[in-house]
C-alpha atoms as a PDB file:
ATOM      1  CA  UNK A   1      -0.157  -0.090   0.076  1.00  0.00           C
ATOM      2  CA  UNK A   2       1.157   3.764  -0.893  1.00  0.00           C
ATOM      3  CA  UNK A   3       1.260   6.273   1.491  1.00  0.00           C
ATOM      4  CA  UNK A   4       1.522  10.304   1.204  1.00  0.00           C
ATOM      5  CA  UNK A   5       1.078  12.989   3.455  1.00  0.00           C
ATOM      6  CA  UNK A   6       0.242  16.392   2.389  1.00  0.00           C
ATOM      7  CA  UNK A   7       1.346  19.042   5.151  1.00  0.00           C
ATOM      8  CA  UNK A   8      -0.120  22.774   4.551  1.00  0.00           C
ATOM      9  CA  UNK A   9       2.833  25.039   5.820  1.00  0.00           C
ATOM     10  CA  UNK A  10       1.455  27.921   3.935  1.00  0.00           C
ATOM     11  CA  UNK A  11      -2.098  27.485   5.408  1.00  0.00           C
ATOM     12  CA  UNK A  12      -3.710  27.111   1.709  1.00  0.00           C
ATOM     13  CA  UNK A  13      -7.188  27.935   2.392  1.00  0.00           C
ATOM     14  CA  UNK A  14      -8.790  25.881  -0.506  1.00  0.00           C
ATOM     15  CA  UNK A  15     -10.134  22.576  -1.050  1.00  0.00           C
ATOM     16  CA  UNK A  16      -7.426  20.330  -2.053  1.00  0.00           C
ATOM     17  CA  UNK A  17      -8.656  16.597  -0.998  1.00  0.00           C
ATOM     18  CA  UNK A  18      -8.401  16.229  -5.144  1.00  0.00           C
ATOM     19  CA  UNK A  19      -5.072  15.740  -4.522  1.00  0.00           C
ATOM     20  CA  UNK A  20      -5.133  12.668  -3.152  1.00  0.00           C
ATOM     21  CA  UNK A  21      -7.041  11.309  -6.523  1.00  0.00           C
ATOM     22  CA  UNK A  22      -4.128  12.434  -8.326  1.00  0.00           C
ATOM     23  CA  UNK A  23      -1.227  11.036  -6.398  1.00  0.00           C
ATOM     24  CA  UNK A  24      -3.194   8.006  -6.355  1.00  0.00           C
ATOM     25  CA  UNK A  25      -3.924   7.537  -9.856  1.00  0.00           C
ATOM     26  CA  UNK A  26      -0.136   8.036 -10.578  1.00  0.00           C
ATOM     27  CA  UNK A  27       1.145   5.282  -8.558  1.00  0.00           C
ATOM     28  CA  UNK A  28      -1.761   3.279 -10.265  1.00  0.00           C
ATOM     29  CA  UNK A  29      -0.914   4.263 -13.693  1.00  0.00           C
ATOM     30  CA  UNK A  30       3.188   3.798 -13.026  1.00  0.00           C
ATOM     31  CA  UNK A  31       2.406   0.777 -10.735  1.00  0.00           C
ATOM     32  CA  UNK A  32       3.984   1.864  -7.969  1.00  0.00           C
ATOM     33  CA  UNK A  33       3.264  -0.405  -4.630  1.00  0.00           C
ATOM     34  CA  UNK A  34       4.555   0.337  -1.324  1.00  0.00           C
ATOM     35  CA  UNK A  35       5.993   3.746  -1.863  1.00  0.00           C
ATOM     36  CA  UNK A  36       6.051   6.624   0.858  1.00  0.00           C
ATOM     37  CA  UNK A  37       6.284  10.306  -0.053  1.00  0.00           C
ATOM     38  CA  UNK A  38       5.513  14.036   0.850  1.00  0.00           C
ATOM     39  CA  UNK A  39       3.605  16.831  -0.637  1.00  0.00           C
ATOM     40  CA  UNK A  40       4.409  20.557   1.515  1.00  0.00           C
ATOM     41  CA  UNK A  41       3.001  23.755   0.490  1.00  0.00           C
ATOM     42  CA  UNK A  42       5.225  26.642   1.380  1.00  0.00           C
ATOM     43  CA  UNK A  43       5.314  29.921   0.183  1.00  0.00           C
ATOM     44  CA  UNK A  44       7.710  31.822  -2.144  1.00  0.00           C
ATOM     45  CA  UNK A  45      10.160  32.705   0.481  1.00  0.00           C
ATOM     46  CA  UNK A  46      11.024  29.206   1.818  1.00  0.00           C
ATOM     47  CA  UNK A  47      10.926  28.342  -1.953  1.00  0.00           C
ATOM     48  CA  UNK A  48      13.322  31.081  -3.103  1.00  0.00           C
ATOM     49  CA  UNK A  49      15.898  29.644  -0.249  1.00  0.00           C
ATOM     50  CA  UNK A  50      15.939  26.079  -1.128  1.00  0.00           C
ATOM     51  CA  UNK A  51      16.057  26.692  -4.771  1.00  0.00           C
ATOM     52  CA  UNK A  52      19.023  28.933  -4.221  1.00  0.00           C
ATOM     53  CA  UNK A  53      20.534  26.273  -1.610  1.00  0.00           C
ATOM     54  CA  UNK A  54      20.151  23.080  -3.496  1.00  0.00           C
ATOM     55  CA  UNK A  55      19.951  23.893  -6.758  1.00  0.00           C
ATOM     56  CA  UNK A  56      22.385  27.273  -6.558  1.00  0.00           C
ATOM     57  CA  UNK A  57      19.299  29.130  -8.406  1.00  0.00           C
ATOM     58  CA  UNK A  58      18.733  32.561  -6.751  1.00  0.00           C
ATOM     59  CA  UNK A  59      15.075  32.968  -7.656  1.00  0.00           C
ATOM     60  CA  UNK A  60      11.812  31.190  -6.285  1.00  0.00           C
ATOM     61  CA  UNK A  61      10.113  28.202  -8.069  1.00  0.00           C
ATOM     62  CA  UNK A  62       6.693  26.513  -8.780  1.00  0.00           C
ATOM     63  CA  UNK A  63       7.870  22.942  -8.075  1.00  0.00           C
ATOM     64  CA  UNK A  64      11.028  21.338  -6.396  1.00  0.00           C
ATOM     65  CA  UNK A  65      11.139  17.694  -5.798  1.00  0.00           C
ATOM     66  CA  UNK A  66      13.502  15.820  -3.310  1.00  0.00           C
ATOM     67  CA  UNK A  67      13.747  12.535  -3.996  1.00  0.00           C
ATOM     68  CA  UNK A  68      15.571   9.855  -1.479  1.00  0.00           C
ATOM     69  CA  UNK A  69      16.216   7.350  -4.274  1.00  0.00           C
ATOM     70  CA  UNK A  70      18.943   7.740  -6.447  1.00  0.00           C
ATOM     71  CA  UNK A  71      17.968   5.196  -9.277  1.00  0.00           C
ATOM     72  CA  UNK A  72      19.506   1.923  -7.906  1.00  0.00           C
ATOM     73  CA  UNK A  73      17.392  -0.855  -7.581  1.00  0.00           C
ATOM     74  CA  UNK A  74      17.082  -0.914  -3.756  1.00  0.00           C
ATOM     75  CA  UNK A  75      14.791  -3.619  -2.341  1.00  0.00           C
ATOM     76  CA  UNK A  76      13.189  -2.275   0.655  1.00  0.00           C
ATOM     77  CA  UNK A  77      10.015  -3.305   2.179  1.00  0.00           C
ATOM     78  CA  UNK A  78       8.313   0.589   1.693  1.00  0.00           C
ATOM     79  CA  UNK A  79      10.059   2.787  -0.823  1.00  0.00           C
ATOM     80  CA  UNK A  80      11.135   6.307  -0.055  1.00  0.00           C
ATOM     81  CA  UNK A  81      10.435   8.146  -2.567  1.00  0.00           C
ATOM     82  CA  UNK A  82      10.761  11.670  -0.967  1.00  0.00           C
ATOM     83  CA  UNK A  83       9.402  15.186  -0.566  1.00  0.00           C
ATOM     84  CA  UNK A  84       7.898  17.812  -3.373  1.00  0.00           C
ATOM     85  CA  UNK A  85       7.402  21.050  -2.265  1.00  0.00           C
ATOM     86  CA  UNK A  86       5.086  23.833  -3.670  1.00  0.00           C
ATOM     87  CA  UNK A  87       4.786  27.453  -3.680  1.00  0.00           C
ATOM     88  CA  UNK A  88       1.372  28.363  -3.428  1.00  0.00           C
ATOM     89  CA  UNK A  89       1.600  31.905  -4.622  1.00  0.00           C
ATOM     90  CA  UNK A  90       3.705  30.722  -7.424  1.00  0.00           C
ATOM     91  CA  UNK A  91       0.846  28.006  -8.302  1.00  0.00           C
ATOM     92  CA  UNK A  92      -1.803  30.906  -7.879  1.00  0.00           C
ATOM     93  CA  UNK A  93      -0.228  33.417 -10.473  1.00  0.00           C
ATOM     94  CA  UNK A  94       0.587  30.363 -13.142  1.00  0.00           C
ATOM     95  CA  UNK A  95      -3.053  29.521 -12.655  1.00  0.00           C
ATOM     96  CA  UNK A  96      -3.680  32.892 -13.507  1.00  0.00           C
ATOM     97  CA  UNK A  97      -1.268  33.398 -16.126  1.00  0.00           C
ATOM     98  CA  UNK A  98      -2.194  30.030 -17.528  1.00  0.00           C
ATOM     99  CA  UNK A  99      -5.628  30.819 -17.445  1.00  0.00           C
ATOM    100  CA  UNK A 100      -6.062  27.727 -15.535  1.00  0.00           C
ATOM    101  CA  UNK A 101      -7.743  26.880 -12.315  1.00  0.00           C
ATOM    102  CA  UNK A 102      -6.008  26.169  -9.595  1.00  0.00           C
ATOM    103  CA  UNK A 103      -7.083  22.594  -8.986  1.00  0.00           C
ATOM    104  CA  UNK A 104      -5.384  22.069 -12.459  1.00  0.00           C
ATOM    105  CA  UNK A 105      -2.380  23.643 -11.977  1.00  0.00           C
ATOM    106  CA  UNK A 106      -1.550  22.122  -8.370  1.00  0.00           C
ATOM    107  CA  UNK A 107      -2.555  18.881  -9.950  1.00  0.00           C
ATOM    108  CA  UNK A 108       0.078  19.366 -12.342  1.00  0.00           C
ATOM    109  CA  UNK A 109       2.787  20.237 -10.328  1.00  0.00           C
ATOM    110  CA  UNK A 110       1.857  17.647  -7.639  1.00  0.00           C
ATOM    111  CA  UNK A 111       1.875  15.400 -10.454  1.00  0.00           C
ATOM    112  CA  UNK A 112       5.135  16.770 -12.032  1.00  0.00           C
ATOM    113  CA  UNK A 113       6.722  16.647  -8.619  1.00  0.00           C
ATOM    114  CA  UNK A 114       6.047  13.026  -8.102  1.00  0.00           C
ATOM    115  CA  UNK A 115       7.194  11.673 -11.538  1.00  0.00           C
ATOM    116  CA  UNK A 116      10.417  13.707 -10.480  1.00  0.00           C
ATOM    117  CA  UNK A 117      10.803  11.499  -7.516  1.00  0.00           C
ATOM    118  CA  UNK A 118       9.896   8.556  -9.473  1.00  0.00           C
ATOM    119  CA  UNK A 119      12.852   9.216 -11.986  1.00  0.00           C
ATOM    120  CA  UNK A 120      11.436  11.009 -14.822  1.00  0.00           C
ATOM    121  CA  UNK A 121      13.429  14.304 -15.997  1.00  0.00           C
ATOM    122  CA  UNK A 122      12.363  16.384 -18.282  1.00  0.00           C
ATOM    123  CA  UNK A 123      15.903  18.079 -18.590  1.00  0.00           C
ATOM    124  CA  UNK A 124      17.805  15.307 -19.520  1.00  0.00           C
ATOM    125  CA  UNK A 125      16.506  14.820 -23.169  1.00  0.00           C
ATOM    126  CA  UNK A 126      13.264  15.858 -25.447  1.00  0.00           C
ATOM    127  CA  UNK A 127      12.156  12.010 -25.173  1.00  0.00           C
ATOM    128  CA  UNK A 128      12.219  12.285 -21.385  1.00  0.00           C
ATOM    129  CA  UNK A 129      10.130  15.602 -21.889  1.00  0.00           C
ATOM    130  CA  UNK A 130       7.597  13.931 -24.223  1.00  0.00           C
ATOM    131  CA  UNK A 131       7.356  11.194 -22.021  1.00  0.00           C
ATOM    132  CA  UNK A 132       7.464  12.856 -18.487  1.00  0.00           C
ATOM    133  CA  UNK A 133       4.590  15.598 -19.897  1.00  0.00           C
ATOM    134  CA  UNK A 134       2.636  12.761 -21.830  1.00  0.00           C
ATOM    135  CA  UNK A 135       2.343  10.693 -18.727  1.00  0.00           C
ATOM    136  CA  UNK A 136       1.024  14.139 -16.738  1.00  0.00           C
ATOM    137  CA  UNK A 137      -1.746  15.045 -19.634  1.00  0.00           C
ATOM    138  CA  UNK A 138      -2.654  11.307 -19.236  1.00  0.00           C
ATOM    139  CA  UNK A 139      -2.895  11.136 -15.344  1.00  0.00           C
ATOM    140  CA  UNK A 140      -4.675  14.386 -15.396  1.00  0.00           C
ATOM    141  CA  UNK A 141      -6.821  13.577 -18.122  1.00  0.00           C
ATOM    142  CA  UNK A 142      -8.303  10.506 -16.998  1.00  0.00           C
ATOM    143  CA  UNK A 143      -9.329  12.443 -13.599  1.00  0.00           C
ATOM    144  CA  UNK A 144     -10.888  15.034 -15.519  1.00  0.00           C
ATOM    145  CA  UNK A 145      -8.841  17.646 -14.758  1.00  0.00           C
ATOM    146  CA  UNK A 146      -7.946  19.653 -17.615  1.00  0.00           C
ATOM    147  CA  UNK A 147      -9.119  23.088 -17.358  1.00  0.00           C
END
C-alpha cells in the first residue's frame, strides 16, 4: 500500500482533497506499490531559499522535488520516494497566467513533482520531456482535470 502526506505549511485555504486522487492515480498508472512520499505547501520566500541552497538558483520556482532514491534498484519493504515542495503563491500566479483553475495547476505541479521523485526528468532529453509530460497529460486527463 502506498502512503503519502500533504503538509499545508502555507495555510492554503482552498479544498485540495482532489490531490489524493492525483497521487493515487499516478501510483496506479506507473504500477507503484509500497511507496511513501510527502507534498509540502510553502511560500515563495521558503521556495527561494530551497532553490538557492539546493540548486544554486537565486529565485523562487513553482515546484521542487527532493528524491531519496538515486536510481539504484534497492529492495526495501517500502520505497521512501522523498518530498515535493509547492510554492502556493507561484501556483496561484501561474494558474492566472495560464488561464487554468488552481485545481488544475496544483494537480499538475504535484503530479510533475511526483514523477520527478520516480525518476522522470524532462531536462535530460526531448524524449524524457515527451514521456514525462505525456504521463502528466494522461493522469490529469484520466481524472478529468483539464481546465
